Amino acid sequence: MVKIYYFAWLRQKIGKNSEQLDLPISIQNVAQLRDYLIGQSQAYAILQQYDDVIKIAVNQQYVDWQEAIKAGDEIAFFPPVTGG
């Protein structure tokens, strides 16, 4: 099982701030997780649409889309933010 967090406007677009997921054995990295989520619901397509600017953290460390994941990990997706 992994815990997934969505922040800022990603939370609004996806419709939840977090979820727990039993990780299918075929998912080895964050990009595969994203693709799996998109297969479950088009609400997750936002992760691919903005994959060049979304920040990802695994266990509170920033990583890229190819970062390996495993059961017990916490994965967070952060959209870009602007100040003002």
Protein backbone atom coordinates (compact mmCIF):
# COMPACT_ATOMS: atom_id res chain seq x y z
CA MET A 1 0.00 0.00 0.00
CA VAL A 2 1.16 3.55 -0.78
CA LYS A 3 -0.22 6.84 0.47
CA ILE A 4 -0.67 9.51 -2.22
CA TYR A 5 -1.14 13.23 -1.52
CA TYR A 6 -2.35 15.94 -3.92
CA PHE A 7 -1.76 19.62 -3.18
CA ALA A 8 -3.22 22.99 -4.23
CA TRP A 9 -5.19 22.97 -7.49
CA LEU A 10 -4.30 19.33 -8.19
CA ARG A 11 -6.43 18.43 -5.18
CA GLN A 12 -9.35 20.33 -6.69
CA LYS A 13 -8.94 18.86 -10.19
CA ILE A 14 -8.57 15.27 -8.94
CA GLY A 15 -11.26 15.68 -6.30
CA LYS A 16 -9.38 14.43 -3.26
CA ASN A 17 -6.46 15.48 -1.11
CA SER A 18 -5.10 12.00 -0.47
CA GLU A 19 -5.72 8.32 -0.98
CA GLN A 20 -4.27 4.94 -0.15
CA LEU A 21 -3.65 2.47 -2.91
CA ASP A 22 -2.64 -1.16 -2.97
CA LEU A 23 0.29 -0.94 -5.34
CA PRO A 24 -0.01 -3.38 -8.27
CA ILE A 25 3.20 -5.37 -8.63
CA SER A 26 3.71 -4.04 -12.17
CA ILE A 27 4.17 -0.47 -10.89
CA GLN A 28 7.84 0.19 -10.25
CA ASN A 29 8.15 4.00 -10.51
CA VAL A 30 6.21 7.24 -10.23
CA ALA A 31 5.54 7.49 -13.99
CA GLN A 32 3.97 4.02 -13.98
CA LEU A 33 1.87 5.03 -10.98
CA ARG A 34 0.66 8.13 -12.86
CA ASP A 35 -0.26 6.01 -15.89
CA TYR A 36 -2.08 3.52 -13.68
CA LEU A 37 -4.08 6.30 -12.01
CA ILE A 38 -5.04 7.75 -15.40
CA GLY A 39 -6.33 4.31 -16.35
CA GLN A 40 -8.57 4.37 -13.29
CA SER A 41 -10.10 7.81 -13.93
CA GLN A 42 -9.61 10.64 -16.40
CA ALA A 43 -9.50 13.04 -13.44
CA TYR A 44 -5.84 12.00 -13.07
CA ALA A 45 -4.97 13.03 -16.64
CA ILE A 46 -3.99 16.41 -15.18
CA LEU A 47 -0.85 14.69 -13.84
CA GLN A 48 0.28 13.91 -17.38
CA GLN A 49 -0.91 17.19 -18.86
CA TYR A 50 1.37 19.11 -16.48
CA ASP A 51 4.08 16.51 -15.89
CA ASP A 52 6.80 18.95 -16.95
CA VAL A 53 6.02 21.32 -14.06
CA ILE A 54 4.56 19.11 -11.33
CA LYS A 55 6.94 18.42 -8.46
CA ILE A 56 6.97 14.96 -6.97
CA ALA A 57 8.14 13.85 -3.55
CA VAL A 58 8.62 10.29 -2.38
CA ASN A 59 9.00 9.97 1.37
CA GLN A 60 9.43 13.75 1.60
CA GLN A 61 12.33 13.89 -0.88
CA TYR A 62 11.90 15.57 -4.27
CA VAL A 63 12.36 13.09 -7.12
CA ASP A 64 11.66 12.75 -10.83
CA TRP A 65 9.07 10.64 -12.63
CA GLN A 66 11.46 7.68 -12.92
CA GLU A 67 11.96 7.35 -9.15
CA ALA A 68 11.37 3.81 -7.89
CA ILE A 69 8.47 3.31 -5.49
CA LYS A 70 7.46 0.46 -3.24
CA ALA A 71 4.81 -0.49 -0.71
CA GLY A 72 4.85 1.79 2.31
CA ASP A 73 6.00 4.88 0.40
CA GLU A 74 4.33 8.28 0.62
CA ILE A 75 4.06 10.01 -2.74
CA ALA A 76 3.10 13.68 -3.07
CA PHE A 77 2.27 15.70 -6.17
CA PHE A 78 2.76 19.48 -6.07
CA PRO A 79 1.66 21.82 -8.85
CA PRO A 80 3.62 24.98 -9.57
CA VAL A 81 2.56 27.89 -7.42
CA THR A 82 2.72 31.60 -7.99
CA GLY A 83 3.18 34.30 -5.44
CA GLY A 84 1.78 37.71 -5.37
